Structure formats: structure tokens, C-alpha cells
Amino acid sequence: MRGTVWTDEMIAIAAGMKRAGLTNKVIAARLGVTASAVIGKCNRVGVHRRLDGSSSVARYASNFRNRTYLGEV
């Protein structure tokens, strides 16, 4: 299966929009691709929305440890 050929300009636009916090759906509409294509390309080139570098898994683990420590779980 072959989809859109991503140009360097498209990748730069997607990266900037992603870092600005726009949704995959909005980015896809701007570039004329699907939201899934945006997700896949951003994952492959290492572009992430979070500016602080943390992942949702790391945040979940941290929150779980904090709740356990406080006796909430």
C-alpha cells in the first residue's frame, strides 16, 4: 500500500503544528493526509507534542507511585 509521499516541507509543517499543540486531525486537514498518516510520520521522525519530554506512561507510573505512597490505592 502506498500513500502520500512526505516532503521535507510537509514534515516541518507537521512538526511545528504538533509542537504547537494542534490535533492530528487539524494537521491532517492542512496537509491533505489522514490523521493516521500524521501519527505514523510523527512517530517515525520522533516528533512529540509534549514539550517537557515526558511520556504518558512515565506520568502514569509517577502518579501511581504517588497514590500508592499516600495510601490512596
Protein backbone atom coordinates (compact mmCIF):
# COMPACT_ATOMS: atom_id res chain seq x y z
CA MET A 1 0.00 0.00 0.00
CA ARG A 2 1.41 3.37 -1.00
CA GLY A 3 0.20 6.69 0.34
CA THR A 4 1.33 10.27 0.19
CA VAL A 5 4.99 10.99 -0.30
CA TRP A 6 6.01 13.23 2.58
CA THR A 7 8.23 16.14 1.56
CA ASP A 8 10.65 17.82 3.94
CA GLU A 9 8.33 20.83 3.94
CA MET A 10 5.32 18.70 4.95
CA ILE A 11 7.31 17.14 7.78
CA ALA A 12 8.44 20.57 9.00
CA ILE A 13 4.86 21.89 8.92
CA ALA A 14 3.53 18.83 10.73
CA ALA A 15 6.28 19.06 13.36
CA GLY A 16 5.62 22.73 14.00
CA MET A 17 1.88 22.24 14.25
CA LYS A 18 2.30 19.21 16.51
CA ARG A 19 4.64 21.09 18.85
CA ALA A 20 2.16 23.98 18.88
CA GLY A 21 -0.40 21.56 20.29
CA LEU A 22 -2.69 21.16 17.28
CA THR A 23 -4.53 17.87 16.92
CA ASN A 24 -3.60 15.21 14.38
CA LYS A 25 -6.94 15.80 12.66
CA VAL A 26 -6.24 19.51 12.15
CA ILE A 27 -2.71 18.82 10.93
CA ALA A 28 -4.02 16.17 8.54
CA ALA A 29 -6.62 18.53 7.09
CA ARG A 30 -3.96 21.18 6.49
CA LEU A 31 -1.63 18.71 4.76
CA GLY A 32 -4.25 16.72 2.86
CA VAL A 33 -3.47 13.40 4.54
CA THR A 34 -5.19 11.26 7.16
CA ALA A 35 -4.77 11.70 10.91
CA SER A 36 -3.27 8.19 10.99
CA ALA A 37 -0.63 9.27 8.48
CA VAL A 38 0.27 12.23 10.69
CA ILE A 39 0.52 10.00 13.75
CA GLY A 40 2.72 7.48 11.94
CA LYS A 41 5.03 10.06 10.40
CA CYS A 42 5.46 11.98 13.65
CA ASN A 43 6.27 8.77 15.49
CA ARG A 44 8.80 7.72 12.85
CA VAL A 45 10.62 11.06 12.84
CA GLY A 46 10.42 11.49 16.61
CA VAL A 47 8.08 14.49 16.84
CA HIS A 48 6.03 14.60 20.02
CA ARG A 49 3.50 17.08 21.30
CA ARG A 50 4.78 17.31 24.87
CA LEU A 51 7.42 19.99 25.26
CA ASP A 52 8.71 18.70 28.60
CA GLY A 53 9.73 15.36 27.08
CA SER A 54 7.71 13.20 29.44
CA SER A 55 5.52 10.43 28.16
CA SER A 56 2.05 9.47 29.26
CA VAL A 57 3.45 6.15 30.53
CA ALA A 58 6.00 7.95 32.70
CA ARG A 59 3.31 10.30 34.03
CA TYR A 60 1.01 7.36 34.81
CA ALA A 61 3.76 5.49 36.63
CA SER A 62 4.67 8.58 38.62
CA ASN A 63 1.05 9.23 39.56
CA PHE A 64 0.57 5.59 40.54
CA ARG A 65 3.67 5.64 42.76
CA ASN A 66 2.46 8.86 44.42
CA ARG A 67 -1.02 7.44 45.11
CA THR A 68 0.49 4.22 46.45
CA TYR A 69 2.81 6.13 48.73
CA LEU A 70 -0.08 8.21 50.03
CA GLY A 71 -2.19 5.11 50.61
CA GLU A 72 -4.84 6.04 48.04
CA VAL A 73 -4.61 2.80 46.03
